[in-house]
Amino acid sequence: MVSRLLHYGLRVDTCDLLLNAEFHEEDAVLAELEELAAELKECDPPAFAGYTGFIWPEFLARWLW
């Protein structure tokens, strides 16, 4: 779990699209979040099994907009 949080935090902290989302096109930012969610799902599929309505990366994508 910690490694996935670290991966998420490093990605958000180093990605201009996510750091400055208000200055980028919405579609580009959402695509970046979807890519990050896919990477996290690949790292730990059981954590994403079952209900997928509000997996936290997708929730953050909604929250940003």
PDB file of N, CA and C in Angstrom:
ATOM      1  N   MET A   1       0.816  -1.189   0.000  1.00  0.00           N
ATOM      2  CA  MET A   1       0.000   0.000   0.000  1.00  0.00           C
ATOM      3  C   MET A   1       0.865   1.259   0.000  1.00  0.00           C
ATOM      4  N   VAL A   2       1.902   1.251   0.808  1.00  0.00           N
ATOM      5  CA  VAL A   2       2.757   2.436   0.907  1.00  0.00           C
ATOM      6  C   VAL A   2       3.438   2.716  -0.428  1.00  0.00           C
ATOM      7  N   SER A   3       3.869   1.673  -1.105  1.00  0.00           N
ATOM      8  CA  SER A   3       4.535   1.887  -2.398  1.00  0.00           C
ATOM      9  C   SER A   3       3.580   2.503  -3.411  1.00  0.00           C
ATOM     10  N   ARG A   4       2.310   2.127  -3.366  1.00  0.00           N
ATOM     11  CA  ARG A   4       1.339   2.708  -4.290  1.00  0.00           C
ATOM     12  C   ARG A   4       1.056   4.167  -3.945  1.00  0.00           C
ATOM     13  N   LEU A   5       1.006   4.475  -2.659  1.00  0.00           N
ATOM     14  CA  LEU A   5       0.826   5.869  -2.262  1.00  0.00           C
ATOM     15  C   LEU A   5       2.039   6.700  -2.665  1.00  0.00           C
ATOM     16  N   LEU A   6       3.224   6.114  -2.530  1.00  0.00           N
ATOM     17  CA  LEU A   6       4.436   6.804  -2.945  1.00  0.00           C
ATOM     18  C   LEU A   6       4.424   7.046  -4.447  1.00  0.00           C
ATOM     19  N   HIS A   7       4.032   6.024  -5.208  1.00  0.00           N
ATOM     20  CA  HIS A   7       3.942   6.160  -6.669  1.00  0.00           C
ATOM     21  C   HIS A   7       2.975   7.278  -7.026  1.00  0.00           C
ATOM     22  N   TYR A   8       1.815   7.275  -6.371  1.00  0.00           N
ATOM     23  CA  TYR A   8       0.808   8.304  -6.636  1.00  0.00           C
ATOM     24  C   TYR A   8       1.358   9.689  -6.288  1.00  0.00           C
ATOM     25  N   GLY A   9       1.935   9.812  -5.101  1.00  0.00           N
ATOM     26  CA  GLY A   9       2.443  11.097  -4.648  1.00  0.00           C
ATOM     27  C   GLY A   9       3.555  11.636  -5.530  1.00  0.00           C
ATOM     28  N   LEU A  10       4.478  10.770  -5.930  1.00  0.00           N
ATOM     29  CA  LEU A  10       5.564  11.205  -6.807  1.00  0.00           C
ATOM     30  C   LEU A  10       5.030  11.658  -8.154  1.00  0.00           C
ATOM     31  N   ARG A  11       4.067  10.924  -8.679  1.00  0.00           N
ATOM     32  CA  ARG A  11       3.498  11.272  -9.983  1.00  0.00           C
ATOM     33  C   ARG A  11       2.803  12.627  -9.926  1.00  0.00           C
ATOM     34  N   VAL A  12       2.005  12.829  -8.895  1.00  0.00           N
ATOM     35  CA  VAL A  12       1.275  14.088  -8.765  1.00  0.00           C
ATOM     36  C   VAL A  12       2.251  15.239  -8.520  1.00  0.00           C
ATOM     37  N   ASP A  13       3.270  14.984  -7.722  1.00  0.00           N
ATOM     38  CA  ASP A  13       4.221  16.034  -7.361  1.00  0.00           C
ATOM     39  C   ASP A  13       5.147  16.438  -8.504  1.00  0.00           C
ATOM     40  N   THR A  14       5.299  15.566  -9.500  1.00  0.00           N
ATOM     41  CA  THR A  14       6.233  15.861 -10.593  1.00  0.00           C
ATOM     42  C   THR A  14       5.548  16.105 -11.929  1.00  0.00           C
ATOM     43  N   CYS A  15       4.247  15.998 -11.971  1.00  0.00           N
ATOM     44  CA  CYS A  15       3.510  16.131 -13.231  1.00  0.00           C
ATOM     45  C   CYS A  15       2.887  17.529 -13.328  1.00  0.00           C
ATOM     46  N   ASP A  16       3.343  18.298 -14.284  1.00  0.00           N
ATOM     47  CA  ASP A  16       2.822  19.655 -14.454  1.00  0.00           C
ATOM     48  C   ASP A  16       1.320  19.658 -14.718  1.00  0.00           C
ATOM     49  N   LEU A  17       0.837  18.668 -15.448  1.00  0.00           N
ATOM     50  CA  LEU A  17      -0.606  18.598 -15.729  1.00  0.00           C
ATOM     51  C   LEU A  17      -1.420  18.529 -14.441  1.00  0.00           C
ATOM     52  N   LEU A  18      -0.912  17.776 -13.474  1.00  0.00           N
ATOM     53  CA  LEU A  18      -1.653  17.610 -12.228  1.00  0.00           C
ATOM     54  C   LEU A  18      -1.358  18.731 -11.231  1.00  0.00           C
ATOM     55  N   LEU A  19      -0.145  19.221 -11.238  1.00  0.00           N
ATOM     56  CA  LEU A  19       0.208  20.308 -10.332  1.00  0.00           C
ATOM     57  C   LEU A  19      -0.496  21.608 -10.702  1.00  0.00           C
ATOM     58  N   ASN A  20      -0.668  21.833 -11.978  1.00  0.00           N
ATOM     59  CA  ASN A  20      -1.261  23.076 -12.471  1.00  0.00           C
ATOM     60  C   ASN A  20      -2.467  22.789 -13.356  1.00  0.00           C
ATOM     61  N   ALA A  21      -3.358  21.960 -12.855  1.00  0.00           N
ATOM     62  CA  ALA A  21      -4.495  21.493 -13.642  1.00  0.00           C
ATOM     63  C   ALA A  21      -5.340  22.634 -14.194  1.00  0.00           C
ATOM     64  N   GLU A  22      -5.427  23.716 -13.446  1.00  0.00           N
ATOM     65  CA  GLU A  22      -6.276  24.828 -13.886  1.00  0.00           C
ATOM     66  C   GLU A  22      -5.749  25.517 -15.142  1.00  0.00           C
ATOM     67  N   PHE A  23      -4.491  25.270 -15.480  1.00  0.00           N
ATOM     68  CA  PHE A  23      -3.892  25.901 -16.663  1.00  0.00           C
ATOM     69  C   PHE A  23      -3.841  24.974 -17.874  1.00  0.00           C
ATOM     70  N   HIS A  24      -4.410  23.785 -17.749  1.00  0.00           N
ATOM     71  CA  HIS A  24      -4.377  22.800 -18.832  1.00  0.00           C
ATOM     72  C   HIS A  24      -5.799  22.428 -19.244  1.00  0.00           C
ATOM     73  N   GLU A  25      -5.903  21.843 -20.417  1.00  0.00           N
ATOM     74  CA  GLU A  25      -7.200  21.366 -20.901  1.00  0.00           C
ATOM     75  C   GLU A  25      -7.714  20.247 -19.995  1.00  0.00           C
ATOM     76  N   GLU A  26      -8.986  20.279 -19.721  1.00  0.00           N
ATOM     77  CA  GLU A  26      -9.601  19.285 -18.846  1.00  0.00           C
ATOM     78  C   GLU A  26      -9.354  17.864 -19.345  1.00  0.00           C
ATOM     79  N   ASP A  27      -9.494  17.640 -20.642  1.00  0.00           N
ATOM     80  CA  ASP A  27      -9.302  16.293 -21.187  1.00  0.00           C
ATOM     81  C   ASP A  27      -7.896  15.776 -20.954  1.00  0.00           C
ATOM     82  N   ALA A  28      -6.900  16.642 -21.042  1.00  0.00           N
ATOM     83  CA  ALA A  28      -5.508  16.221 -20.828  1.00  0.00           C
ATOM     84  C   ALA A  28      -5.279  15.827 -19.372  1.00  0.00           C
ATOM     85  N   VAL A  29      -5.844  16.587 -18.453  1.00  0.00           N
ATOM     86  CA  VAL A  29      -5.686  16.289 -17.035  1.00  0.00           C
ATOM     87  C   VAL A  29      -6.406  14.989 -16.689  1.00  0.00           C
ATOM     88  N   LEU A  30      -7.617  14.828 -17.191  1.00  0.00           N
ATOM     89  CA  LEU A  30      -8.359  13.589 -16.926  1.00  0.00           C
ATOM     90  C   LEU A  30      -7.647  12.381 -17.526  1.00  0.00           C
ATOM     91  N   ALA A  31      -7.054  12.532 -18.689  1.00  0.00           N
ATOM     92  CA  ALA A  31      -6.302  11.428 -19.304  1.00  0.00           C
ATOM     93  C   ALA A  31      -5.106  11.057 -18.437  1.00  0.00           C
ATOM     94  N   GLU A  32      -4.441  12.048 -17.883  1.00  0.00           N
ATOM     95  CA  GLU A  32      -3.304  11.788 -16.989  1.00  0.00           C
ATOM     96  C   GLU A  32      -3.762  11.029 -15.752  1.00  0.00           C
ATOM     97  N   LEU A  33      -4.885  11.427 -15.173  1.00  0.00           N
ATOM     98  CA  LEU A  33      -5.418  10.730 -14.003  1.00  0.00           C
ATOM     99  C   LEU A  33      -5.859   9.305 -14.344  1.00  0.00           C
ATOM    100  N   GLU A  34      -6.433   9.129 -15.513  1.00  0.00           N
ATOM    101  CA  GLU A  34      -6.832   7.779 -15.932  1.00  0.00           C
ATOM    102  C   GLU A  34      -5.612   6.890 -16.120  1.00  0.00           C
ATOM    103  N   GLU A  35      -4.539   7.446 -16.667  1.00  0.00           N
ATOM    104  CA  GLU A  35      -3.303   6.675 -16.832  1.00  0.00           C
ATOM    105  C   GLU A  35      -2.725   6.297 -15.469  1.00  0.00           C
ATOM    106  N   LEU A  36      -2.743   7.224 -14.546  1.00  0.00           N
ATOM    107  CA  LEU A  36      -2.256   6.945 -13.202  1.00  0.00           C
ATOM    108  C   LEU A  36      -3.117   5.869 -12.538  1.00  0.00           C
ATOM    109  N   ALA A  37      -4.416   5.954 -12.689  1.00  0.00           N
ATOM    110  CA  ALA A  37      -5.305   4.939 -12.127  1.00  0.00           C
ATOM    111  C   ALA A  37      -5.001   3.571 -12.720  1.00  0.00           C
ATOM    112  N   ALA A  38      -4.744   3.503 -14.010  1.00  0.00           N
ATOM    113  CA  ALA A  38      -4.419   2.225 -14.660  1.00  0.00           C
ATOM    114  C   ALA A  38      -3.121   1.660 -14.098  1.00  0.00           C
ATOM    115  N   GLU A  39      -2.129   2.522 -13.858  1.00  0.00           N
ATOM    116  CA  GLU A  39      -0.861   2.058 -13.288  1.00  0.00           C
ATOM    117  C   GLU A  39      -1.071   1.513 -11.873  1.00  0.00           C
ATOM    118  N   LEU A  40      -1.882   2.211 -11.083  1.00  0.00           N
ATOM    119  CA  LEU A  40      -2.140   1.743  -9.729  1.00  0.00           C
ATOM    120  C   LEU A  40      -2.912   0.426  -9.737  1.00  0.00           C
ATOM    121  N   LYS A  41      -3.866   0.290 -10.649  1.00  0.00           N
ATOM    122  CA  LYS A  41      -4.611  -0.964 -10.765  1.00  0.00           C
ATOM    123  C   LYS A  41      -3.696  -2.111 -11.166  1.00  0.00           C
ATOM    124  N   GLU A  42      -2.709  -1.825 -12.017  1.00  0.00           N
ATOM    125  CA  GLU A  42      -1.761  -2.857 -12.445  1.00  0.00           C
ATOM    126  C   GLU A  42      -0.881  -3.299 -11.281  1.00  0.00           C
ATOM    127  N   CYS A  43      -0.515  -2.365 -10.409  1.00  0.00           N
ATOM    128  CA  CYS A  43       0.328  -2.676  -9.252  1.00  0.00           C
ATOM    129  C   CYS A  43      -0.396  -3.541  -8.230  1.00  0.00           C
ATOM    130  N   ASP A  44      -1.690  -3.325  -8.077  1.00  0.00           N
ATOM    131  CA  ASP A  44      -2.440  -4.017  -7.029  1.00  0.00           C
ATOM    132  C   ASP A  44      -3.881  -4.277  -7.464  1.00  0.00           C
ATOM    133  N   PRO A  45      -4.072  -5.238  -8.383  1.00  0.00           N
ATOM    134  CA  PRO A  45      -5.420  -5.518  -8.887  1.00  0.00           C
ATOM    135  C   PRO A  45      -6.458  -5.826  -7.805  1.00  0.00           C
ATOM    136  N   PRO A  46      -6.119  -6.592  -6.739  1.00  0.00           N
ATOM    137  CA  PRO A  46      -7.144  -6.874  -5.737  1.00  0.00           C
ATOM    138  C   PRO A  46      -7.695  -5.626  -5.054  1.00  0.00           C
ATOM    139  N   ALA A  47      -6.884  -4.598  -4.946  1.00  0.00           N
ATOM    140  CA  ALA A  47      -7.349  -3.365  -4.307  1.00  0.00           C
ATOM    141  C   ALA A  47      -8.421  -2.676  -5.136  1.00  0.00           C
ATOM    142  N   PHE A  48      -8.481  -3.011  -6.416  1.00  0.00           N
ATOM    143  CA  PHE A  48      -9.429  -2.371  -7.307  1.00  0.00           C
ATOM    144  C   PHE A  48     -10.532  -3.322  -7.764  1.00  0.00           C
ATOM    145  N   ALA A  49     -10.554  -4.523  -7.211  1.00  0.00           N
ATOM    146  CA  ALA A  49     -11.574  -5.505  -7.584  1.00  0.00           C
ATOM    147  C   ALA A  49     -12.896  -5.154  -6.910  1.00  0.00           C
ATOM    148  N   GLY A  50     -13.969  -5.513  -7.543  1.00  0.00           N
ATOM    149  CA  GLY A  50     -15.283  -5.269  -6.957  1.00  0.00           C
ATOM    150  C   GLY A  50     -15.855  -3.939  -7.388  1.00  0.00           C
ATOM    151  N   TYR A  51     -16.423  -3.242  -6.441  1.00  0.00           N
ATOM    152  CA  TYR A  51     -17.083  -1.969  -6.717  1.00  0.00           C
ATOM    153  C   TYR A  51     -16.068  -0.963  -7.265  1.00  0.00           C
ATOM    154  N   THR A  52     -16.398  -0.359  -8.404  1.00  0.00           N
ATOM    155  CA  THR A  52     -15.460   0.571  -9.034  1.00  0.00           C
ATOM    156  C   THR A  52     -16.054   1.961  -9.223  1.00  0.00           C
ATOM    157  N   GLY A  53     -17.103   2.266  -8.524  1.00  0.00           N
ATOM    158  CA  GLY A  53     -17.750   3.564  -8.702  1.00  0.00           C
ATOM    159  C   GLY A  53     -16.899   4.741  -8.257  1.00  0.00           C
ATOM    160  N   PHE A  54     -16.170   4.567  -7.162  1.00  0.00           N
ATOM    161  CA  PHE A  54     -15.377   5.675  -6.659  1.00  0.00           C
ATOM    162  C   PHE A  54     -13.991   5.223  -6.225  1.00  0.00           C
ATOM    163  N   ILE A  55     -13.284   4.558  -7.104  1.00  0.00           N
ATOM    164  CA  ILE A  55     -11.884   4.268  -6.825  1.00  0.00           C
ATOM    165  C   ILE A  55     -11.186   5.613  -6.721  1.00  0.00           C
ATOM    166  N   TRP A  56     -10.311   5.779  -5.771  1.00  0.00           N
ATOM    167  CA  TRP A  56      -9.842   7.129  -5.435  1.00  0.00           C
ATOM    168  C   TRP A  56      -9.207   7.912  -6.567  1.00  0.00           C
ATOM    169  N   PRO A  57      -8.445   7.351  -7.515  1.00  0.00           N
ATOM    170  CA  PRO A  57      -7.958   8.209  -8.602  1.00  0.00           C
ATOM    171  C   PRO A  57      -9.087   8.770  -9.459  1.00  0.00           C
ATOM    172  N   GLU A  58     -10.106   7.942  -9.705  1.00  0.00           N
ATOM    173  CA  GLU A  58     -11.241   8.432 -10.471  1.00  0.00           C
ATOM    174  C   GLU A  58     -12.020   9.469  -9.668  1.00  0.00           C
ATOM    175  N   PHE A  59     -12.107   9.264  -8.356  1.00  0.00           N
ATOM    176  CA  PHE A  59     -12.763  10.246  -7.507  1.00  0.00           C
ATOM    177  C   PHE A  59     -12.016  11.579  -7.570  1.00  0.00           C
ATOM    178  N   LEU A  60     -10.689  11.520  -7.542  1.00  0.00           N
ATOM    179  CA  LEU A  60      -9.909  12.751  -7.638  1.00  0.00           C
ATOM    180  C   LEU A  60     -10.115  13.430  -8.980  1.00  0.00           C
ATOM    181  N   ALA A  61     -10.274  12.651 -10.028  1.00  0.00           N
ATOM    182  CA  ALA A  61     -10.530  13.243 -11.344  1.00  0.00           C
ATOM    183  C   ALA A  61     -11.828  14.041 -11.304  1.00  0.00           C
ATOM    184  N   ARG A  62     -12.834  13.495 -10.651  1.00  0.00           N
ATOM    185  CA  ARG A  62     -14.112  14.218 -10.536  1.00  0.00           C
ATOM    186  C   ARG A  62     -13.951  15.447  -9.645  1.00  0.00           C
ATOM    187  N   TRP A  63     -13.178  15.316  -8.573  1.00  0.00           N
ATOM    188  CA  TRP A  63     -12.996  16.396  -7.622  1.00  0.00           C
ATOM    189  C   TRP A  63     -12.267  17.588  -8.260  1.00  0.00           C
ATOM    190  N   LEU A  64     -11.296  17.310  -9.135  1.00  0.00           N
ATOM    191  CA  LEU A  64     -10.556  18.398  -9.767  1.00  0.00           C
ATOM    192  C   LEU A  64     -11.462  19.287 -10.598  1.00  0.00           C
ATOM    193  N   TRP A  65     -12.537  18.750 -11.120  1.00  0.00           N
ATOM    194  CA  TRP A  65     -13.415  19.521 -11.997  1.00  0.00           C
ATOM    195  C   TRP A  65     -14.733  19.685 -11.319  1.00  0.00           C
TER     196      TRP A  65
END
